[in-house]
């Protein structure tokens, strides 16, 4: 049968299962701390000593909620960094395409979407950075704007049919890879945000 400390650590792991790396690290640190505290108890070795160590440490859900909030902040920072890099690479790719292609034969809608979806993503990102750094909506709008800009840019340039130069193709590949990475981070941020709110609210 699992000891009181083992049960507590397992509970903490379950509460933080949305972030496996955090769960492993925190579980290891907490277990070491609780065993040291229990061994310092006059009643050690006993379940009572472990129980008192756990009670002094605090409720697992409350501890998990504190660390979940930190996980949200870390994920937000990673997402902002990825967003910034994606914006820079997308801008470079747009300039390369503009220098290479001739828009004369391209439907007017593609250049407009390419340009203004990108501008919208930058505008929302700038507002989000200064006012809503933990806003899932801001990240989602930026992701949607960049994705629309990239797709419109591909249609506009017709890259793989017209035989674009290598720098243009490499920039396009970078755009695709980064917007995929950004989507991954936005999804991770959303999951951590939901779980953090659930822990604070007492739900799952």
N, C-alpha and C. Protein backbone atom coordinates (compact mmCIF):
# COMPACT_ATOMS: atom_id res chain seq x y z
N UNK A 1 0.85 -1.20 0.00
CA UNK A 1 0.00 0.00 0.00
C UNK A 1 0.88 1.25 0.00
N UNK A 2 0.50 2.25 -0.81
CA UNK A 2 1.29 3.47 -0.92
C UNK A 2 1.25 4.25 0.40
N UNK A 3 2.37 4.87 0.71
CA UNK A 3 2.45 5.66 1.92
C UNK A 3 1.68 6.97 1.75
N UNK A 4 1.52 7.70 2.84
CA UNK A 4 0.81 8.99 2.79
C UNK A 4 1.53 9.95 1.86
N UNK A 5 2.85 9.97 1.94
CA UNK A 5 3.62 10.87 1.07
C UNK A 5 3.49 10.45 -0.39
N UNK A 6 3.56 9.14 -0.64
CA UNK A 6 3.40 8.66 -2.02
C UNK A 6 2.05 9.05 -2.59
N UNK A 7 1.00 8.93 -1.80
CA UNK A 7 -0.34 9.30 -2.25
C UNK A 7 -0.42 10.80 -2.55
N UNK A 8 0.20 11.59 -1.69
CA UNK A 8 0.18 13.04 -1.87
C UNK A 8 0.91 13.42 -3.17
N UNK A 9 2.08 12.84 -3.36
CA UNK A 9 2.88 13.15 -4.56
C UNK A 9 2.14 12.70 -5.82
N UNK A 10 1.49 11.55 -5.76
CA UNK A 10 0.71 11.07 -6.91
C UNK A 10 -0.44 12.02 -7.22
N UNK A 11 -1.07 12.55 -6.18
CA UNK A 11 -2.16 13.50 -6.37
C UNK A 11 -1.65 14.78 -7.03
N UNK A 12 -0.47 15.22 -6.59
CA UNK A 12 0.12 16.43 -7.17
C UNK A 12 0.46 16.21 -8.65
N UNK A 13 0.96 15.04 -8.97
CA UNK A 13 1.25 14.71 -10.36
C UNK A 13 -0.02 14.76 -11.22
N UNK A 14 -1.11 14.21 -10.69
CA UNK A 14 -2.37 14.20 -11.44
C UNK A 14 -2.86 15.63 -11.70
N UNK A 15 -2.74 16.48 -10.70
CA UNK A 15 -3.21 17.86 -10.86
C UNK A 15 -2.40 18.61 -11.91
N UNK A 16 -1.13 18.23 -12.10
CA UNK A 16 -0.25 18.94 -13.02
C UNK A 16 0.04 18.13 -14.28
N UNK A 17 -0.82 17.17 -14.60
CA UNK A 17 -0.54 16.30 -15.74
C UNK A 17 -0.58 17.02 -17.09
N UNK A 18 -1.07 18.26 -17.12
CA UNK A 18 -1.07 19.04 -18.36
C UNK A 18 0.34 19.51 -18.72
N UNK A 19 1.27 19.45 -17.75
CA UNK A 19 2.65 19.86 -17.98
C UNK A 19 3.56 18.79 -17.39
N UNK A 20 3.83 17.71 -18.13
CA UNK A 20 4.58 16.57 -17.59
C UNK A 20 5.94 16.95 -17.01
N UNK A 21 6.66 17.86 -17.64
CA UNK A 21 7.98 18.25 -17.14
C UNK A 21 7.85 18.93 -15.77
N UNK A 22 6.89 19.82 -15.66
CA UNK A 22 6.66 20.49 -14.38
C UNK A 22 6.22 19.49 -13.32
N UNK A 23 5.33 18.57 -13.70
CA UNK A 23 4.83 17.57 -12.75
C UNK A 23 5.97 16.71 -12.21
N UNK A 24 6.86 16.27 -13.10
CA UNK A 24 7.98 15.44 -12.65
C UNK A 24 8.91 16.21 -11.73
N UNK A 25 9.25 17.42 -12.12
CA UNK A 25 10.19 18.22 -11.32
C UNK A 25 9.61 18.55 -9.95
N UNK A 26 8.36 19.02 -9.94
CA UNK A 26 7.75 19.42 -8.68
C UNK A 26 7.52 18.21 -7.78
N UNK A 27 7.08 17.09 -8.36
CA UNK A 27 6.84 15.89 -7.56
C UNK A 27 8.12 15.43 -6.88
N UNK A 28 9.23 15.48 -7.60
CA UNK A 28 10.51 15.07 -7.02
C UNK A 28 10.93 15.99 -5.88
N UNK A 29 10.80 17.29 -6.09
CA UNK A 29 11.19 18.26 -5.06
C UNK A 29 10.30 18.16 -3.83
N UNK A 30 8.99 18.03 -4.07
CA UNK A 30 8.05 17.94 -2.95
C UNK A 30 8.26 16.65 -2.17
N UNK A 31 8.48 15.56 -2.87
CA UNK A 31 8.70 14.29 -2.18
C UNK A 31 9.94 14.35 -1.28
N UNK A 32 11.02 14.92 -1.79
CA UNK A 32 12.24 15.07 -0.97
C UNK A 32 11.97 15.93 0.26
N UNK A 33 11.25 17.03 0.06
CA UNK A 33 10.95 17.93 1.17
C UNK A 33 10.09 17.23 2.22
N UNK A 34 9.06 16.53 1.77
CA UNK A 34 8.14 15.86 2.71
C UNK A 34 8.84 14.74 3.48
N UNK A 35 9.71 14.01 2.82
CA UNK A 35 10.42 12.92 3.52
C UNK A 35 11.38 13.49 4.55
N UNK A 36 12.03 14.59 4.22
CA UNK A 36 12.91 15.24 5.20
C UNK A 36 12.10 15.71 6.41
N UNK A 37 10.92 16.31 6.13
CA UNK A 37 10.07 16.81 7.21
C UNK A 37 9.55 15.67 8.07
N UNK A 38 9.16 14.57 7.42
CA UNK A 38 8.63 13.42 8.17
C UNK A 38 9.72 12.78 9.03
N UNK A 39 10.92 12.69 8.49
CA UNK A 39 12.02 12.08 9.24
C UNK A 39 12.45 12.92 10.43
N UNK A 40 12.15 14.23 10.37
CA UNK A 40 12.47 15.10 11.50
C UNK A 40 11.41 15.04 12.59
N UNK A 41 10.29 14.38 12.32
CA UNK A 41 9.21 14.25 13.30
C UNK A 41 9.60 13.20 14.34
N UNK A 42 9.31 13.47 15.62
CA UNK A 42 9.66 12.51 16.69
C UNK A 42 9.00 11.14 16.50
N UNK A 43 7.87 11.10 15.82
CA UNK A 43 7.15 9.83 15.64
C UNK A 43 7.66 9.02 14.45
N UNK A 44 8.65 9.52 13.75
CA UNK A 44 9.17 8.79 12.59
C UNK A 44 9.87 7.50 13.03
N UNK A 45 9.73 6.38 12.31
CA UNK A 45 8.92 6.23 11.08
C UNK A 45 7.50 5.81 11.39
N UNK A 46 6.54 6.54 10.87
CA UNK A 46 5.13 6.20 11.07
C UNK A 46 4.29 6.99 10.06
N UNK A 47 3.08 6.49 9.84
CA UNK A 47 2.15 7.18 8.95
C UNK A 47 1.77 8.54 9.53
N UNK A 48 1.71 8.63 10.88
CA UNK A 48 1.36 9.91 11.51
C UNK A 48 2.40 10.98 11.19
N UNK A 49 3.66 10.58 11.21
CA UNK A 49 4.73 11.55 10.90
C UNK A 49 4.59 12.04 9.47
N UNK A 50 4.30 11.14 8.54
CA UNK A 50 4.10 11.53 7.15
C UNK A 50 2.87 12.42 7.00
N UNK A 51 1.82 12.07 7.72
CA UNK A 51 0.57 12.83 7.61
C UNK A 51 0.77 14.26 8.11
N UNK A 52 1.50 14.41 9.21
CA UNK A 52 1.75 15.76 9.73
C UNK A 52 2.61 16.57 8.75
N UNK A 53 3.57 15.92 8.12
CA UNK A 53 4.41 16.62 7.14
C UNK A 53 3.57 17.11 5.96
N UNK A 54 2.66 16.26 5.52
CA UNK A 54 1.78 16.62 4.40
C UNK A 54 0.84 17.75 4.80
N UNK A 55 0.28 17.68 6.00
CA UNK A 55 -0.65 18.72 6.46
C UNK A 55 0.04 20.07 6.57
N UNK A 56 1.28 20.06 7.04
CA UNK A 56 2.02 21.32 7.15
C UNK A 56 2.34 21.90 5.78
N UNK A 57 2.54 21.03 4.81
CA UNK A 57 2.93 21.50 3.48
C UNK A 57 1.77 22.16 2.75
N UNK A 58 0.56 21.63 2.90
CA UNK A 58 -0.60 22.25 2.26
C UNK A 58 -1.35 21.29 1.35
N UNK A 59 -2.54 21.71 0.93
CA UNK A 59 -3.40 20.89 0.06
C UNK A 59 -2.78 20.80 -1.33
N UNK A 60 -2.77 19.60 -1.88
CA UNK A 60 -2.13 19.37 -3.18
C UNK A 60 -2.71 20.26 -4.28
N UNK A 61 -4.03 20.41 -4.31
CA UNK A 61 -4.66 21.22 -5.35
C UNK A 61 -4.23 22.68 -5.25
N UNK A 62 -4.10 23.21 -4.03
CA UNK A 62 -3.69 24.60 -3.86
C UNK A 62 -2.24 24.80 -4.30
N UNK A 63 -1.39 23.84 -3.95
CA UNK A 63 0.01 23.91 -4.39
C UNK A 63 0.07 23.84 -5.91
N UNK A 64 -0.70 22.92 -6.50
CA UNK A 64 -0.72 22.77 -7.95
C UNK A 64 -1.22 24.04 -8.63
N UNK A 65 -2.21 24.70 -8.03
CA UNK A 65 -2.76 25.93 -8.62
C UNK A 65 -1.70 27.02 -8.70
N UNK A 66 -0.86 27.12 -7.66
CA UNK A 66 0.19 28.14 -7.67
C UNK A 66 1.19 27.87 -8.79
N UNK A 67 1.59 26.62 -8.94
CA UNK A 67 2.56 26.29 -9.97
C UNK A 67 1.94 26.31 -11.36
N UNK A 68 0.66 26.02 -11.45
CA UNK A 68 -0.02 26.08 -12.74
C UNK A 68 -0.05 27.52 -13.27
N UNK A 69 -0.24 28.48 -12.37
CA UNK A 69 -0.21 29.88 -12.77
C UNK A 69 1.17 30.26 -13.31
N UNK A 70 2.21 29.75 -12.68
CA UNK A 70 3.57 30.00 -13.17
C UNK A 70 3.76 29.35 -14.54
N UNK A 71 3.19 28.16 -14.73
CA UNK A 71 3.30 27.47 -16.01
C UNK A 71 2.61 28.27 -17.11
N UNK A 72 1.49 28.90 -16.79
CA UNK A 72 0.79 29.74 -17.77
C UNK A 72 1.68 30.91 -18.18
N UNK A 73 2.33 31.55 -17.21
CA UNK A 73 3.20 32.68 -17.51
C UNK A 73 4.38 32.25 -18.39
N UNK A 74 4.97 31.11 -18.08
CA UNK A 74 6.10 30.63 -18.88
C UNK A 74 5.66 30.31 -20.31
N UNK A 75 4.49 29.68 -20.44
CA UNK A 75 3.99 29.34 -21.77
C UNK A 75 3.64 30.61 -22.54
N UNK A 76 3.10 31.61 -21.85
CA UNK A 76 2.79 32.89 -22.52
C UNK A 76 4.07 33.52 -23.06
N UNK A 77 5.15 33.48 -22.28
CA UNK A 77 6.42 34.05 -22.75
C UNK A 77 6.93 33.30 -23.98
N UNK A 78 6.87 31.97 -23.94
CA UNK A 78 7.31 31.19 -25.09
C UNK A 78 6.47 31.51 -26.33
N UNK A 79 5.17 31.70 -26.13
CA UNK A 79 4.28 31.98 -27.25
C UNK A 79 4.57 33.36 -27.84
N UNK A 80 4.82 34.33 -26.98
CA UNK A 80 5.14 35.68 -27.47
C UNK A 80 6.44 35.67 -28.26
N UNK A 81 7.43 34.94 -27.78
CA UNK A 81 8.71 34.86 -28.50
C UNK A 81 8.51 34.22 -29.87
N UNK A 82 7.76 33.13 -29.90
CA UNK A 82 7.49 32.45 -31.17
C UNK A 82 6.71 33.36 -32.11
N UNK A 83 5.75 34.10 -31.56
CA UNK A 83 4.97 35.04 -32.38
C UNK A 83 5.87 36.10 -32.99
N UNK A 84 6.79 36.64 -32.19
CA UNK A 84 7.69 37.67 -32.70
C UNK A 84 8.56 37.13 -33.84
N UNK A 85 9.14 35.95 -33.63
CA UNK A 85 9.99 35.35 -34.67
C UNK A 85 9.16 35.08 -35.93
N UNK A 86 7.94 34.59 -35.76
CA UNK A 86 7.08 34.30 -36.91
C UNK A 86 6.76 35.57 -37.69
N UNK A 87 6.50 36.66 -36.98
CA UNK A 87 6.22 37.94 -37.64
C UNK A 87 7.43 38.40 -38.45
N UNK A 88 8.61 38.30 -37.86
CA UNK A 88 9.83 38.75 -38.56
C UNK A 88 10.06 37.92 -39.82
N UNK A 89 9.98 36.60 -39.69
CA UNK A 89 10.22 35.72 -40.84
C UNK A 89 9.15 35.93 -41.91
N UNK A 90 7.90 36.12 -41.49
CA UNK A 90 6.82 36.35 -42.45
C UNK A 90 7.04 37.66 -43.20
N UNK A 91 7.50 38.68 -42.50
CA UNK A 91 7.77 39.96 -43.15
C UNK A 91 8.88 39.82 -44.18
N UNK A 92 9.95 39.11 -43.81
CA UNK A 92 11.05 38.89 -44.75
C UNK A 92 10.56 38.12 -45.98
N UNK A 93 9.76 37.07 -45.73
CA UNK A 93 9.23 36.27 -46.84
C UNK A 93 8.34 37.12 -47.75
N UNK A 94 7.54 38.00 -47.16
CA UNK A 94 6.68 38.88 -47.96
C UNK A 94 7.51 39.78 -48.85
N UNK A 95 8.60 40.34 -48.29
CA UNK A 95 9.46 41.24 -49.08
C UNK A 95 10.14 40.48 -50.21
N UNK A 96 10.61 39.28 -49.93
CA UNK A 96 11.25 38.47 -50.97
C UNK A 96 10.27 38.15 -52.10
N UNK A 97 9.03 37.79 -51.72
CA UNK A 97 8.03 37.49 -52.75
C UNK A 97 7.71 38.73 -53.58
N UNK A 98 7.61 39.89 -52.89
CA UNK A 98 7.27 41.13 -53.59
C UNK A 98 8.36 41.50 -54.60
N UNK A 99 9.63 41.24 -54.27
CA UNK A 99 10.72 41.55 -55.19
C UNK A 99 10.76 40.59 -56.38
N UNK A 100 10.30 39.34 -56.13
CA UNK A 100 10.43 38.32 -57.16
C UNK A 100 9.26 38.27 -58.14
N UNK A 101 8.03 38.40 -57.61
CA UNK A 101 6.88 38.15 -58.48
C UNK A 101 6.34 39.43 -59.12
N UNK A 102 5.53 39.21 -60.13
CA UNK A 102 4.82 40.28 -60.81
C UNK A 102 3.34 40.13 -60.50
N UNK A 103 2.78 41.10 -59.78
CA UNK A 103 1.38 41.01 -59.35
C UNK A 103 0.39 41.27 -60.48
N UNK A 104 0.90 41.56 -61.68
CA UNK A 104 -0.02 41.93 -62.75
C UNK A 104 -1.04 40.86 -63.08
N UNK A 105 -0.61 39.60 -63.00
CA UNK A 105 -1.51 38.51 -63.38
C UNK A 105 -2.16 37.84 -62.17
N UNK A 106 -1.95 38.40 -60.99
CA UNK A 106 -2.45 37.79 -59.76
C UNK A 106 -3.79 38.43 -59.37
N UNK A 107 -4.78 37.64 -58.96
CA UNK A 107 -6.05 38.22 -58.50
C UNK A 107 -5.81 39.25 -57.40
N UNK A 108 -6.55 40.35 -57.44
CA UNK A 108 -6.32 41.46 -56.53
C UNK A 108 -6.51 41.07 -55.07
N UNK A 109 -7.34 40.07 -54.82
CA UNK A 109 -7.66 39.71 -53.43
C UNK A 109 -6.44 39.15 -52.69
N UNK A 110 -5.63 38.34 -53.38
CA UNK A 110 -4.50 37.69 -52.70
C UNK A 110 -3.51 38.69 -52.11
N UNK A 111 -3.05 39.71 -52.86
CA UNK A 111 -2.14 40.68 -52.25
C UNK A 111 -2.76 41.45 -51.08
N UNK A 112 -4.06 41.73 -51.19
CA UNK A 112 -4.73 42.46 -50.11
C UNK A 112 -4.77 41.62 -48.83
N UNK A 113 -5.14 40.35 -48.96
CA UNK A 113 -5.18 39.46 -47.79
C UNK A 113 -3.77 39.29 -47.23
N UNK A 114 -2.80 39.08 -48.12
CA UNK A 114 -1.41 38.91 -47.71
C UNK A 114 -0.97 40.10 -46.86
N UNK A 115 -1.25 41.29 -47.32
CA UNK A 115 -0.79 42.51 -46.65
C UNK A 115 -1.59 42.83 -45.39
N UNK A 116 -2.91 42.87 -45.53
CA UNK A 116 -3.70 43.39 -44.42
C UNK A 116 -3.95 42.37 -43.31
N UNK A 117 -3.93 41.09 -43.63
CA UNK A 117 -3.99 40.09 -42.56
C UNK A 117 -2.73 40.16 -41.72
N UNK A 118 -1.60 40.39 -42.36
CA UNK A 118 -0.33 40.55 -41.65
C UNK A 118 -0.35 41.79 -40.77
N UNK A 119 -0.84 42.89 -41.31
CA UNK A 119 -0.93 44.14 -40.53
C UNK A 119 -1.86 43.95 -39.33
N UNK A 120 -2.99 43.25 -39.55
CA UNK A 120 -3.93 43.01 -38.44
C UNK A 120 -3.27 42.17 -37.36
N UNK A 121 -2.48 41.17 -37.75
CA UNK A 121 -1.79 40.34 -36.76
C UNK A 121 -0.81 41.17 -35.94
N UNK A 122 -0.08 42.06 -36.60
CA UNK A 122 0.87 42.91 -35.89
C UNK A 122 0.14 43.85 -34.94
N UNK A 123 -0.96 44.44 -35.41
CA UNK A 123 -1.71 45.39 -34.58
C UNK A 123 -2.26 44.72 -33.33
N UNK A 124 -2.88 43.55 -33.52
CA UNK A 124 -3.44 42.82 -32.37
C UNK A 124 -2.31 42.37 -31.44
N UNK A 125 -1.20 41.92 -32.02
CA UNK A 125 -0.07 41.50 -31.20
C UNK A 125 0.48 42.64 -30.37
N UNK A 126 0.59 43.83 -30.96
CA UNK A 126 1.11 44.99 -30.23
C UNK A 126 0.18 45.36 -29.08
N UNK A 127 -1.12 45.39 -29.35
CA UNK A 127 -2.09 45.70 -28.30
C UNK A 127 -2.05 44.63 -27.21
N UNK A 128 -2.00 43.37 -27.64
CA UNK A 128 -1.96 42.28 -26.67
C UNK A 128 -0.72 42.33 -25.80
N UNK A 129 0.42 42.68 -26.37
CA UNK A 129 1.67 42.75 -25.61
C UNK A 129 1.59 43.79 -24.50
N UNK A 130 1.03 44.94 -24.82
CA UNK A 130 0.98 46.02 -23.84
C UNK A 130 -0.18 45.91 -22.87
N UNK A 131 -1.27 45.23 -23.26
CA UNK A 131 -2.46 45.24 -22.41
C UNK A 131 -2.99 43.86 -22.03
N UNK A 132 -2.75 42.85 -22.85
CA UNK A 132 -3.38 41.55 -22.61
C UNK A 132 -2.37 40.42 -22.86
N UNK A 133 -1.31 40.38 -22.08
CA UNK A 133 -0.23 39.42 -22.36
C UNK A 133 -0.64 37.97 -22.12
N UNK A 134 -1.69 37.77 -21.35
CA UNK A 134 -2.17 36.41 -21.12
C UNK A 134 -3.52 36.19 -21.79
N UNK A 135 -3.72 36.85 -22.92
CA UNK A 135 -5.00 36.74 -23.63
C UNK A 135 -4.93 35.66 -24.70
N UNK A 136 -5.73 34.63 -24.55
CA UNK A 136 -5.81 33.59 -25.57
C UNK A 136 -6.39 34.16 -26.86
N UNK A 137 -7.34 35.08 -26.73
CA UNK A 137 -7.97 35.68 -27.91
C UNK A 137 -6.93 36.41 -28.76
N UNK A 138 -6.04 37.17 -28.11
CA UNK A 138 -5.01 37.90 -28.87
C UNK A 138 -4.12 36.94 -29.62
N UNK A 139 -3.69 35.86 -28.96
CA UNK A 139 -2.85 34.86 -29.63
C UNK A 139 -3.58 34.22 -30.81
N UNK A 140 -4.85 33.91 -30.60
CA UNK A 140 -5.62 33.24 -31.65
C UNK A 140 -5.81 34.14 -32.86
N UNK A 141 -6.10 35.42 -32.63
CA UNK A 141 -6.26 36.36 -33.74
C UNK A 141 -4.94 36.53 -34.50
N UNK A 142 -3.84 36.65 -33.75
CA UNK A 142 -2.53 36.78 -34.40
C UNK A 142 -2.21 35.55 -35.23
N UNK A 143 -2.48 34.38 -34.68
CA UNK A 143 -2.24 33.14 -35.41
C UNK A 143 -3.09 33.09 -36.68
N UNK A 144 -4.38 33.44 -36.55
CA UNK A 144 -5.26 33.43 -37.72
C UNK A 144 -4.81 34.43 -38.78
N UNK A 145 -4.41 35.64 -38.34
CA UNK A 145 -3.95 36.64 -39.30
C UNK A 145 -2.69 36.22 -40.03
N UNK A 146 -1.72 35.67 -39.29
CA UNK A 146 -0.49 35.21 -39.92
C UNK A 146 -0.74 34.05 -40.87
N UNK A 147 -1.61 33.13 -40.45
CA UNK A 147 -1.93 31.99 -41.31
C UNK A 147 -2.59 32.45 -42.60
N UNK A 148 -3.54 33.40 -42.49
CA UNK A 148 -4.21 33.92 -43.68
C UNK A 148 -3.22 34.63 -44.59
N UNK A 149 -2.30 35.40 -43.99
CA UNK A 149 -1.29 36.10 -44.77
C UNK A 149 -0.38 35.13 -45.51
N UNK A 150 0.05 34.09 -44.80
CA UNK A 150 0.96 33.11 -45.41
C UNK A 150 0.28 32.36 -46.55
N UNK A 151 -0.96 31.92 -46.33
CA UNK A 151 -1.69 31.20 -47.39
C UNK A 151 -1.90 32.10 -48.59
N UNK A 152 -2.30 33.36 -48.34
CA UNK A 152 -2.50 34.30 -49.44
C UNK A 152 -1.19 34.55 -50.18
N UNK A 153 -0.10 34.60 -49.43
CA UNK A 153 1.20 34.80 -50.06
C UNK A 153 1.59 33.65 -50.96
N UNK A 154 1.28 32.43 -50.52
CA UNK A 154 1.58 31.25 -51.35
C UNK A 154 0.74 31.28 -52.63
N UNK A 155 -0.54 31.62 -52.48
CA UNK A 155 -1.42 31.70 -53.66
C UNK A 155 -0.95 32.83 -54.58
N UNK A 156 -0.60 33.93 -53.98
CA UNK A 156 -0.16 35.10 -54.74
C UNK A 156 1.09 34.79 -55.57
N UNK A 157 2.03 34.09 -54.97
CA UNK A 157 3.30 33.82 -55.64
C UNK A 157 3.25 32.57 -56.51
N UNK A 158 2.31 31.65 -56.20
CA UNK A 158 2.24 30.38 -56.92
C UNK A 158 3.62 29.73 -56.96
N UNK A 159 4.21 29.63 -55.77
CA UNK A 159 5.63 29.34 -55.63
C UNK A 159 6.10 28.09 -56.37
N UNK A 160 5.41 26.99 -56.14
CA UNK A 160 5.94 25.72 -56.61
C UNK A 160 5.65 25.48 -58.09
N UNK A 161 4.77 26.30 -58.67
CA UNK A 161 4.47 26.16 -60.09
C UNK A 161 5.41 27.04 -60.91
N UNK A 162 5.66 28.24 -60.43
CA UNK A 162 6.47 29.19 -61.19
C UNK A 162 7.97 29.00 -60.97
N UNK A 163 8.36 28.13 -60.04
CA UNK A 163 9.78 27.88 -59.83
C UNK A 163 10.49 29.05 -59.18
N UNK A 164 10.09 29.36 -57.97
CA UNK A 164 10.66 30.50 -57.25
C UNK A 164 12.13 30.25 -56.92
N UNK A 165 12.92 31.33 -56.75
CA UNK A 165 14.31 31.18 -56.34
C UNK A 165 14.41 30.54 -54.95
N UNK A 166 15.58 29.98 -54.67
CA UNK A 166 15.78 29.27 -53.40
C UNK A 166 15.51 30.16 -52.18
N UNK A 167 15.99 31.40 -52.11
CA UNK A 167 15.70 32.22 -50.92
C UNK A 167 14.21 32.41 -50.66
N UNK A 168 13.43 32.55 -51.73
CA UNK A 168 11.98 32.71 -51.58
C UNK A 168 11.36 31.43 -51.04
N UNK A 169 11.81 30.30 -51.57
CA UNK A 169 11.28 29.01 -51.11
C UNK A 169 11.67 28.74 -49.66
N UNK A 170 12.91 29.07 -49.29
CA UNK A 170 13.36 28.85 -47.91
C UNK A 170 12.58 29.73 -46.94
N UNK A 171 12.35 30.97 -47.32
CA UNK A 171 11.57 31.86 -46.47
C UNK A 171 10.14 31.34 -46.30
N UNK A 172 9.56 30.82 -47.38
CA UNK A 172 8.21 30.26 -47.30
C UNK A 172 8.18 29.04 -46.39
N UNK A 173 9.21 28.19 -46.50
CA UNK A 173 9.28 27.02 -45.62
C UNK A 173 9.42 27.44 -44.16
N UNK A 174 10.20 28.50 -43.94
CA UNK A 174 10.34 29.01 -42.57
C UNK A 174 9.02 29.52 -42.03
N UNK A 175 8.25 30.22 -42.87
CA UNK A 175 6.93 30.69 -42.47
C UNK A 175 6.04 29.52 -42.02
N UNK A 176 6.01 28.49 -42.86
CA UNK A 176 5.13 27.35 -42.58
C UNK A 176 5.54 26.66 -41.27
N UNK A 177 6.85 26.46 -41.09
CA UNK A 177 7.33 25.80 -39.88
C UNK A 177 7.01 26.63 -38.63
N UNK A 178 7.22 27.92 -38.74
CA UNK A 178 7.00 28.78 -37.56
C UNK A 178 5.53 28.95 -37.22
N UNK A 179 4.67 29.03 -38.23
CA UNK A 179 3.24 29.17 -37.91
C UNK A 179 2.73 27.87 -37.30
N UNK A 180 3.31 26.73 -37.71
CA UNK A 180 2.97 25.46 -37.06
C UNK A 180 3.43 25.44 -35.61
N UNK A 181 4.65 25.92 -35.37
CA UNK A 181 5.16 26.00 -34.00
C UNK A 181 4.32 26.96 -33.16
N UNK A 182 3.93 28.07 -33.76
CA UNK A 182 3.08 29.04 -33.04
C UNK A 182 1.75 28.40 -32.67
N UNK A 183 1.16 27.66 -33.59
CA UNK A 183 -0.10 26.98 -33.29
C UNK A 183 0.07 26.01 -32.13
N UNK A 184 1.19 25.29 -32.13
CA UNK A 184 1.49 24.36 -31.04
C UNK A 184 1.55 25.09 -29.70
N UNK A 185 2.21 26.24 -29.68
CA UNK A 185 2.32 27.00 -28.44
C UNK A 185 0.98 27.60 -28.01
N UNK A 186 0.20 28.06 -28.97
CA UNK A 186 -1.12 28.62 -28.63
C UNK A 186 -2.01 27.54 -28.02
N UNK A 187 -1.97 26.34 -28.59
CA UNK A 187 -2.76 25.23 -28.03
C UNK A 187 -2.26 24.89 -26.62
N UNK A 188 -0.94 24.86 -26.44
CA UNK A 188 -0.39 24.59 -25.11
C UNK A 188 -0.78 25.66 -24.11
N UNK A 189 -0.77 26.91 -24.54
CA UNK A 189 -1.17 28.01 -23.67
C UNK A 189 -2.63 27.88 -23.28
N UNK A 190 -3.48 27.54 -24.25
CA UNK A 190 -4.91 27.37 -23.98
C UNK A 190 -5.14 26.27 -22.94
N UNK A 191 -4.43 25.16 -23.10
CA UNK A 191 -4.61 24.05 -22.17
C UNK A 191 -4.18 24.43 -20.76
N UNK A 192 -3.04 25.09 -20.64
CA UNK A 192 -2.56 25.49 -19.32
C UNK A 192 -3.48 26.53 -18.69
N UNK A 193 -3.99 27.42 -19.51
CA UNK A 193 -4.91 28.44 -19.00
C UNK A 193 -6.17 27.80 -18.44
N UNK A 194 -6.73 26.83 -19.17
CA UNK A 194 -7.95 26.15 -18.70
C UNK A 194 -7.68 25.38 -17.41
N UNK A 195 -6.58 24.65 -17.35
CA UNK A 195 -6.30 23.85 -16.17
C UNK A 195 -5.99 24.72 -14.96
N UNK A 196 -5.31 25.83 -15.19
CA UNK A 196 -5.03 26.75 -14.09
C UNK A 196 -6.34 27.31 -13.53
N UNK A 197 -7.26 27.68 -14.41
CA UNK A 197 -8.56 28.20 -13.97
C UNK A 197 -9.34 27.12 -13.24
N UNK A 198 -9.28 25.87 -13.73
CA UNK A 198 -10.00 24.77 -13.09
C UNK A 198 -9.44 24.50 -11.68
N UNK A 199 -8.13 24.56 -11.53
CA UNK A 199 -7.52 24.34 -10.22
C UNK A 199 -7.92 25.43 -9.24
N UNK A 200 -7.93 26.68 -9.72
CA UNK A 200 -8.32 27.77 -8.83
C UNK A 200 -9.79 27.67 -8.46
N UNK A 201 -10.61 27.17 -9.40
CA UNK A 201 -12.04 27.09 -9.15
C UNK A 201 -12.48 25.81 -8.49
N UNK A 202 -11.55 24.85 -8.36
CA UNK A 202 -11.89 23.60 -7.69
C UNK A 202 -12.46 22.55 -8.60
N UNK A 203 -12.46 22.80 -9.93
CA UNK A 203 -12.97 21.81 -10.88
C UNK A 203 -11.85 21.13 -11.59
N UNK A 204 -12.23 20.34 -12.63
CA UNK A 204 -11.24 19.63 -13.44
C UNK A 204 -11.33 20.10 -14.88
